Amino acid sequence: MQDLHSLVESMETLEFIIYPDGRVQEKVTGIIGASCAEVTAAIEAQLGQVLSQEMTSEYFAQKVEQSAAATTHATFSEW
């Protein structure tokens, strides 16, 4: 069972604030890297013209992938 902390870290959320003048502010959290643009592209196309974008630290972060492979190097001498 996942602990609450790791569950919260893995949640992807889109938040929209709609102002009385029709502007919409969109905030994406929980998506690492530029893939957030793929997630929001269809929504933004339906909403209208994007006036500005501000990238968060999550946009510039990179996923860390660990490998279980190990490399060994052995040398032998002819003494």
PDB file of N, CA and C in Angstrom:
ATOM      1  N   MET A   1       0.839  -1.187   0.000  1.00  0.00           N
ATOM      2  CA  MET A   1       0.000   0.000   0.000  1.00  0.00           C
ATOM      3  C   MET A   1       0.879   1.243   0.000  1.00  0.00           C
ATOM      4  N   GLN A   2       0.582   2.203  -0.861  1.00  0.00           N
ATOM      5  CA  GLN A   2       1.356   3.429  -0.932  1.00  0.00           C
ATOM      6  C   GLN A   2       1.093   4.280   0.302  1.00  0.00           C
ATOM      7  N   ASP A   3       2.160   4.940   0.791  1.00  0.00           N
ATOM      8  CA  ASP A   3       1.924   5.876   1.873  1.00  0.00           C
ATOM      9  C   ASP A   3       1.335   7.156   1.294  1.00  0.00           C
ATOM     10  N   LEU A   4       0.739   7.976   2.143  1.00  0.00           N
ATOM     11  CA  LEU A   4       0.043   9.181   1.705  1.00  0.00           C
ATOM     12  C   LEU A   4       0.972  10.151   1.002  1.00  0.00           C
ATOM     13  N   HIS A   5       2.210  10.282   1.471  1.00  0.00           N
ATOM     14  CA  HIS A   5       3.159  11.219   0.883  1.00  0.00           C
ATOM     15  C   HIS A   5       3.442  10.878  -0.570  1.00  0.00           C
ATOM     16  N   SER A   6       3.717   9.617  -0.881  1.00  0.00           N
ATOM     17  CA  SER A   6       4.009   9.244  -2.261  1.00  0.00           C
ATOM     18  C   SER A   6       2.768   9.344  -3.135  1.00  0.00           C
ATOM     19  N   LEU A   7       1.586   9.127  -2.563  1.00  0.00           N
ATOM     20  CA  LEU A   7       0.350   9.254  -3.320  1.00  0.00           C
ATOM     21  C   LEU A   7       0.110  10.710  -3.703  1.00  0.00           C
ATOM     22  N   VAL A   8       0.328  11.626  -2.776  1.00  0.00           N
ATOM     23  CA  VAL A   8       0.133  13.043  -3.047  1.00  0.00           C
ATOM     24  C   VAL A   8       1.133  13.525  -4.083  1.00  0.00           C
ATOM     25  N   GLU A   9       2.384  13.052  -4.018  1.00  0.00           N
ATOM     26  CA  GLU A   9       3.397  13.462  -4.983  1.00  0.00           C
ATOM     27  C   GLU A   9       3.051  13.029  -6.395  1.00  0.00           C
ATOM     28  N   SER A  10       2.319  11.926  -6.564  1.00  0.00           N
ATOM     29  CA  SER A  10       2.044  11.404  -7.893  1.00  0.00           C
ATOM     30  C   SER A  10       0.736  11.927  -8.481  1.00  0.00           C
ATOM     31  N   MET A  11       0.017  12.780  -7.755  1.00  0.00           N
ATOM     32  CA  MET A  11      -1.247  13.305  -8.256  1.00  0.00           C
ATOM     33  C   MET A  11      -1.016  14.385  -9.305  1.00  0.00           C
ATOM     34  N   GLU A  12      -1.694  14.254 -10.419  1.00  0.00           N
ATOM     35  CA  GLU A  12      -1.653  15.256 -11.472  1.00  0.00           C
ATOM     36  C   GLU A  12      -2.930  16.069 -11.373  1.00  0.00           C
ATOM     37  N   THR A  13      -2.799  17.390 -11.305  1.00  0.00           N
ATOM     38  CA  THR A  13      -3.979  18.235 -11.192  1.00  0.00           C
ATOM     39  C   THR A  13      -3.930  19.378 -12.190  1.00  0.00           C
ATOM     40  N   LEU A  14      -5.094  19.748 -12.666  1.00  0.00           N
ATOM     41  CA  LEU A  14      -5.281  20.930 -13.496  1.00  0.00           C
ATOM     42  C   LEU A  14      -6.271  21.812 -12.759  1.00  0.00           C
ATOM     43  N   GLU A  15      -5.892  23.057 -12.541  1.00  0.00           N
ATOM     44  CA  GLU A  15      -6.747  23.999 -11.835  1.00  0.00           C
ATOM     45  C   GLU A  15      -7.069  25.143 -12.791  1.00  0.00           C
ATOM     46  N   PHE A  16      -8.347  25.524 -12.865  1.00  0.00           N
ATOM     47  CA  PHE A  16      -8.778  26.615 -13.726  1.00  0.00           C
ATOM     48  C   PHE A  16      -9.470  27.676 -12.887  1.00  0.00           C
ATOM     49  N   ILE A  17      -9.065  28.918 -13.078  1.00  0.00           N
ATOM     50  CA  ILE A  17      -9.732  30.049 -12.449  1.00  0.00           C
ATOM     51  C   ILE A  17     -10.331  30.870 -13.582  1.00  0.00           C
ATOM     52  N   ILE A  18     -11.655  31.067 -13.546  1.00  0.00           N
ATOM     53  CA  ILE A  18     -12.350  31.822 -14.584  1.00  0.00           C
ATOM     54  C   ILE A  18     -12.736  33.172 -13.982  1.00  0.00           C
ATOM     55  N   TYR A  19     -12.197  34.223 -14.556  1.00  0.00           N
ATOM     56  CA  TYR A  19     -12.431  35.581 -14.073  1.00  0.00           C
ATOM     57  C   TYR A  19     -13.688  36.172 -14.711  1.00  0.00           C
ATOM     58  N   PRO A  20     -14.292  37.175 -14.064  1.00  0.00           N
ATOM     59  CA  PRO A  20     -15.516  37.793 -14.601  1.00  0.00           C
ATOM     60  C   PRO A  20     -15.357  38.369 -16.014  1.00  0.00           C
ATOM     61  N   ASP A  21     -14.134  38.784 -16.370  1.00  0.00           N
ATOM     62  CA  ASP A  21     -13.927  39.344 -17.710  1.00  0.00           C
ATOM     63  C   ASP A  21     -13.696  38.270 -18.771  1.00  0.00           C
ATOM     64  N   GLY A  22     -13.766  37.001 -18.409  1.00  0.00           N
ATOM     65  CA  GLY A  22     -13.635  35.900 -19.359  1.00  0.00           C
ATOM     66  C   GLY A  22     -12.260  35.272 -19.432  1.00  0.00           C
ATOM     67  N   ARG A  23     -11.277  35.896 -18.783  1.00  0.00           N
ATOM     68  CA  ARG A  23      -9.942  35.296 -18.776  1.00  0.00           C
ATOM     69  C   ARG A  23      -9.981  34.003 -17.968  1.00  0.00           C
ATOM     70  N   VAL A  24      -9.157  33.056 -18.392  1.00  0.00           N
ATOM     71  CA  VAL A  24      -9.045  31.777 -17.692  1.00  0.00           C
ATOM     72  C   VAL A  24      -7.587  31.574 -17.325  1.00  0.00           C
ATOM     73  N   GLN A  25      -7.333  31.321 -16.056  1.00  0.00           N
ATOM     74  CA  GLN A  25      -5.979  31.000 -15.604  1.00  0.00           C
ATOM     75  C   GLN A  25      -5.931  29.503 -15.354  1.00  0.00           C
ATOM     76  N   GLU A  26      -4.910  28.873 -15.916  1.00  0.00           N
ATOM     77  CA  GLU A  26      -4.760  27.425 -15.819  1.00  0.00           C
ATOM     78  C   GLU A  26      -3.473  27.125 -15.064  1.00  0.00           C
ATOM     79  N   LYS A  27      -3.533  26.206 -14.118  1.00  0.00           N
ATOM     80  CA  LYS A  27      -2.339  25.803 -13.373  1.00  0.00           C
ATOM     81  C   LYS A  27      -2.265  24.280 -13.377  1.00  0.00           C
ATOM     82  N   VAL A  28      -1.113  23.760 -13.793  1.00  0.00           N
ATOM     83  CA  VAL A  28      -0.891  22.317 -13.866  1.00  0.00           C
ATOM     84  C   VAL A  28       0.147  21.946 -12.823  1.00  0.00           C
ATOM     85  N   THR A  29      -0.144  20.946 -12.019  1.00  0.00           N
ATOM     86  CA  THR A  29       0.821  20.449 -11.033  1.00  0.00           C
ATOM     87  C   THR A  29       0.877  18.927 -11.103  1.00  0.00           C
ATOM     88  N   GLY A  30       2.022  18.400 -10.720  1.00  0.00           N
ATOM     89  CA  GLY A  30       2.191  16.954 -10.654  1.00  0.00           C
ATOM     90  C   GLY A  30       2.645  16.308 -11.947  1.00  0.00           C
ATOM     91  N   ILE A  31       2.919  17.110 -12.976  1.00  0.00           N
ATOM     92  CA  ILE A  31       3.407  16.562 -14.239  1.00  0.00           C
ATOM     93  C   ILE A  31       4.834  17.054 -14.428  1.00  0.00           C
ATOM     94  N   ILE A  32       5.763  16.127 -14.522  1.00  0.00           N
ATOM     95  CA  ILE A  32       7.174  16.471 -14.649  1.00  0.00           C
ATOM     96  C   ILE A  32       7.531  16.641 -16.126  1.00  0.00           C
ATOM     97  N   GLY A  33       8.226  17.711 -16.442  1.00  0.00           N
ATOM     98  CA  GLY A  33       8.707  17.944 -17.800  1.00  0.00           C
ATOM     99  C   GLY A  33       7.681  18.623 -18.688  1.00  0.00           C
ATOM    100  N   ALA A  34       7.983  18.650 -19.962  1.00  0.00           N
ATOM    101  CA  ALA A  34       7.169  19.380 -20.925  1.00  0.00           C
ATOM    102  C   ALA A  34       5.889  18.652 -21.327  1.00  0.00           C
ATOM    103  N   SER A  35       5.646  17.464 -20.818  1.00  0.00           N
ATOM    104  CA  SER A  35       4.441  16.730 -21.207  1.00  0.00           C
ATOM    105  C   SER A  35       3.166  17.420 -20.730  1.00  0.00           C
ATOM    106  N   CYS A  36       3.285  18.390 -19.812  1.00  0.00           N
ATOM    107  CA  CYS A  36       2.096  19.138 -19.385  1.00  0.00           C
ATOM    108  C   CYS A  36       1.482  19.883 -20.574  1.00  0.00           C
ATOM    109  N   ALA A  37       2.300  20.312 -21.522  1.00  0.00           N
ATOM    110  CA  ALA A  37       1.791  21.009 -22.705  1.00  0.00           C
ATOM    111  C   ALA A  37       0.916  20.078 -23.537  1.00  0.00           C
ATOM    112  N   GLU A  38       1.262  18.800 -23.600  1.00  0.00           N
ATOM    113  CA  GLU A  38       0.456  17.823 -24.327  1.00  0.00           C
ATOM    114  C   GLU A  38      -0.890  17.619 -23.642  1.00  0.00           C
ATOM    115  N   VAL A  39      -0.871  17.612 -22.318  1.00  0.00           N
ATOM    116  CA  VAL A  39      -2.090  17.392 -21.539  1.00  0.00           C
ATOM    117  C   VAL A  39      -3.061  18.548 -21.722  1.00  0.00           C
ATOM    118  N   THR A  40      -2.565  19.758 -21.806  1.00  0.00           N
ATOM    119  CA  THR A  40      -3.423  20.939 -21.837  1.00  0.00           C
ATOM    120  C   THR A  40      -3.707  21.480 -23.238  1.00  0.00           C
ATOM    121  N   ALA A  41      -3.054  20.978 -24.251  1.00  0.00           N
ATOM    122  CA  ALA A  41      -3.180  21.524 -25.611  1.00  0.00           C
ATOM    123  C   ALA A  41      -4.623  21.535 -26.109  1.00  0.00           C
ATOM    124  N   ALA A  42      -5.344  20.450 -25.961  1.00  0.00           N
ATOM    125  CA  ALA A  42      -6.715  20.375 -26.462  1.00  0.00           C
ATOM    126  C   ALA A  42      -7.629  21.341 -25.709  1.00  0.00           C
ATOM    127  N   ILE A  43      -7.420  21.452 -24.412  1.00  0.00           N
ATOM    128  CA  ILE A  43      -8.238  22.372 -23.607  1.00  0.00           C
ATOM    129  C   ILE A  43      -7.958  23.811 -24.023  1.00  0.00           C
ATOM    130  N   GLU A  44      -6.694  24.154 -24.170  1.00  0.00           N
ATOM    131  CA  GLU A  44      -6.325  25.516 -24.559  1.00  0.00           C
ATOM    132  C   GLU A  44      -6.862  25.863 -25.943  1.00  0.00           C
ATOM    133  N   ALA A  45      -6.884  24.898 -26.846  1.00  0.00           N
ATOM    134  CA  ALA A  45      -7.412  25.145 -28.187  1.00  0.00           C
ATOM    135  C   ALA A  45      -8.893  25.509 -28.133  1.00  0.00           C
ATOM    136  N   GLN A  46      -9.632  24.910 -27.205  1.00  0.00           N
ATOM    137  CA  GLN A  46     -11.060  25.199 -27.070  1.00  0.00           C
ATOM    138  C   GLN A  46     -11.317  26.503 -26.312  1.00  0.00           C
ATOM    139  N   LEU A  47     -10.403  26.872 -25.409  1.00  0.00           N
ATOM    140  CA  LEU A  47     -10.597  28.079 -24.607  1.00  0.00           C
ATOM    141  C   LEU A  47     -10.332  29.352 -25.395  1.00  0.00           C
ATOM    142  N   GLY A  48      -9.380  29.308 -26.314  1.00  0.00           N
ATOM    143  CA  GLY A  48      -9.064  30.501 -27.089  1.00  0.00           C
ATOM    144  C   GLY A  48      -7.587  30.819 -27.063  1.00  0.00           C
ATOM    145  N   GLN A  49      -7.264  32.075 -27.273  1.00  0.00           N
ATOM    146  CA  GLN A  49      -5.874  32.511 -27.399  1.00  0.00           C
ATOM    147  C   GLN A  49      -5.154  32.491 -26.050  1.00  0.00           C
ATOM    148  N   VAL A  50      -3.951  31.906 -26.042  1.00  0.00           N
ATOM    149  CA  VAL A  50      -3.107  31.913 -24.849  1.00  0.00           C
ATOM    150  C   VAL A  50      -2.332  33.227 -24.844  1.00  0.00           C
ATOM    151  N   LEU A  51      -2.511  34.009 -23.784  1.00  0.00           N
ATOM    152  CA  LEU A  51      -1.855  35.311 -23.695  1.00  0.00           C
ATOM    153  C   LEU A  51      -0.465  35.226 -23.086  1.00  0.00           C
ATOM    154  N   SER A  52      -0.283  34.328 -22.139  1.00  0.00           N
ATOM    155  CA  SER A  52       1.044  34.180 -21.525  1.00  0.00           C
ATOM    156  C   SER A  52       1.156  32.812 -20.882  1.00  0.00           C
ATOM    157  N   GLN A  53       2.401  32.400 -20.706  1.00  0.00           N
ATOM    158  CA  GLN A  53       2.694  31.133 -20.029  1.00  0.00           C
ATOM    159  C   GLN A  53       3.835  31.367 -19.056  1.00  0.00           C
ATOM    160  N   GLU A  54       3.747  30.746 -17.908  1.00  0.00           N
ATOM    161  CA  GLU A  54       4.811  30.806 -16.912  1.00  0.00           C
ATOM    162  C   GLU A  54       5.127  29.372 -16.507  1.00  0.00           C
ATOM    163  N   MET A  55       6.333  28.936 -16.826  1.00  0.00           N
ATOM    164  CA  MET A  55       6.720  27.559 -16.537  1.00  0.00           C
ATOM    165  C   MET A  55       7.118  27.433 -15.066  1.00  0.00           C
ATOM    166  N   THR A  56       6.718  26.323 -14.457  1.00  0.00           N
ATOM    167  CA  THR A  56       7.070  26.065 -13.065  1.00  0.00           C
ATOM    168  C   THR A  56       8.348  25.234 -12.995  1.00  0.00           C
ATOM    169  N   SER A  57       8.828  25.010 -11.796  1.00  0.00           N
ATOM    170  CA  SER A  57      10.027  24.186 -11.622  1.00  0.00           C
ATOM    171  C   SER A  57       9.777  22.752 -12.089  1.00  0.00           C
ATOM    172  N   GLU A  58       8.534  22.272 -12.000  1.00  0.00           N
ATOM    173  CA  GLU A  58       8.215  20.926 -12.471  1.00  0.00           C
ATOM    174  C   GLU A  58       8.440  20.796 -13.979  1.00  0.00           C
ATOM    175  N   TYR A  59       8.218  21.877 -14.711  1.00  0.00           N
ATOM    176  CA  TYR A  59       8.431  21.867 -16.157  1.00  0.00           C
ATOM    177  C   TYR A  59       9.903  21.600 -16.482  1.00  0.00           C
ATOM    178  N   PHE A  60      10.789  22.183 -15.694  1.00  0.00           N
ATOM    179  CA  PHE A  60      12.223  22.063 -15.959  1.00  0.00           C
ATOM    180  C   PHE A  60      12.851  20.837 -15.293  1.00  0.00           C
ATOM    181  N   ALA A  61      12.091  20.154 -14.458  1.00  0.00           N
ATOM    182  CA  ALA A  61      12.604  18.959 -13.787  1.00  0.00           C
ATOM    183  C   ALA A  61      12.661  17.799 -14.772  1.00  0.00           C
ATOM    184  N   GLN A  62      13.482  16.825 -14.444  1.00  0.00           N
ATOM    185  CA  GLN A  62      13.596  15.633 -15.269  1.00  0.00           C
ATOM    186  C   GLN A  62      13.279  14.422 -14.418  1.00  0.00           C
ATOM    187  N   LYS A  63      12.628  13.458 -15.029  1.00  0.00           N
ATOM    188  CA  LYS A  63      12.343  12.216 -14.325  1.00  0.00           C
ATOM    189  C   LYS A  63      13.639  11.465 -14.092  1.00  0.00           C
ATOM    190  N   VAL A  64      13.762  10.879 -12.922  1.00  0.00           N
ATOM    191  CA  VAL A  64      14.943  10.100 -12.584  1.00  0.00           C
ATOM    192  C   VAL A  64      14.601   8.632 -12.772  1.00  0.00           C
ATOM    193  N   GLU A  65      15.363   7.987 -13.617  1.00  0.00           N
ATOM    194  CA  GLU A  65      15.162   6.559 -13.844  1.00  0.00           C
ATOM    195  C   GLU A  65      16.391   5.818 -13.360  1.00  0.00           C
ATOM    196  N   GLN A  66      16.150   4.800 -12.561  1.00  0.00           N
ATOM    197  CA  GLN A  66      17.253   4.023 -12.031  1.00  0.00           C
ATOM    198  C   GLN A  66      17.337   2.704 -12.780  1.00  0.00           C
ATOM    199  N   SER A  67      18.552   2.277 -12.989  1.00  0.00           N
ATOM    200  CA  SER A  67      18.775   1.017 -13.672  1.00  0.00           C
ATOM    201  C   SER A  67      19.382   0.018 -12.691  1.00  0.00           C
ATOM    202  N   ALA A  68      18.941  -1.204 -12.796  1.00  0.00           N
ATOM    203  CA  ALA A  68      19.466  -2.245 -11.922  1.00  0.00           C
ATOM    204  C   ALA A  68      20.697  -2.915 -12.524  1.00  0.00           C
ATOM    205  N   ALA A  69      21.076  -2.536 -13.722  1.00  0.00           N
ATOM    206  CA  ALA A  69      22.222  -3.150 -14.386  1.00  0.00           C
ATOM    207  C   ALA A  69      23.527  -2.644 -13.775  1.00  0.00           C
ATOM    208  N   ALA A  70      24.480  -3.528 -13.665  1.00  0.00           N
ATOM    209  CA  ALA A  70      25.799  -3.161 -13.148  1.00  0.00           C
ATOM    210  C   ALA A  70      26.847  -3.598 -14.161  1.00  0.00           C
ATOM    211  N   THR A  71      27.883  -2.828 -14.287  1.00  0.00           N
ATOM    212  CA  THR A  71      28.961  -3.156 -15.208  1.00  0.00           C
ATOM    213  C   THR A  71      30.187  -3.531 -14.396  1.00  0.00           C
ATOM    214  N   THR A  72      30.772  -4.651 -14.720  1.00  0.00           N
ATOM    215  CA  THR A  72      31.994  -5.071 -14.037  1.00  0.00           C
ATOM    216  C   THR A  72      33.123  -5.128 -15.048  1.00  0.00           C
ATOM    217  N   HIS A  73      34.309  -4.891 -14.552  1.00  0.00           N
ATOM    218  CA  HIS A  73      35.477  -4.920 -15.410  1.00  0.00           C
ATOM    219  C   HIS A  73      36.578  -5.687 -14.652  1.00  0.00           C
ATOM    220  N   ALA A  74      37.041  -6.763 -15.241  1.00  0.00           N
ATOM    221  CA  ALA A  74      38.071  -7.573 -14.596  1.00  0.00           C
ATOM    222  C   ALA A  74      39.339  -7.547 -15.456  1.00  0.00           C
ATOM    223  N   THR A  75      40.459  -7.447 -14.799  1.00  0.00           N
ATOM    224  CA  THR A  75      41.746  -7.510 -15.505  1.00  0.00           C
ATOM    225  C   THR A  75      42.566  -8.631 -14.907  1.00  0.00           C
ATOM    226  N   PHE A  76      43.344  -9.271 -15.740  1.00  0.00           N
ATOM    227  CA  PHE A  76      44.189 -10.366 -15.278  1.00  0.00           C
ATOM    228  C   PHE A  76      45.634 -10.080 -15.681  1.00  0.00           C
ATOM    229  N   SER A  77      46.514 -10.496 -14.832  1.00  0.00           N
ATOM    230  CA  SER A  77      47.932 -10.276 -15.085  1.00  0.00           C
ATOM    231  C   SER A  77      48.603 -11.604 -15.416  1.00  0.00           C
ATOM    232  N   GLU A  78      49.665 -11.592 -16.241  1.00  0.00           N
ATOM    233  CA  GLU A  78      50.382 -12.795 -16.647  1.00  0.00           C
ATOM    234  C   GLU A  78      51.665 -12.984 -15.822  1.00  0.00           C
ATOM    235  N   TRP A  79      51.759 -12.525 -14.648  1.00  0.00           N
ATOM    236  CA  TRP A  79      52.977 -12.641 -13.828  1.00  0.00           C
ATOM    237  C   TRP A  79      53.488 -14.014 -13.811  1.00  0.00           C
TER     238      TRP A  79
END
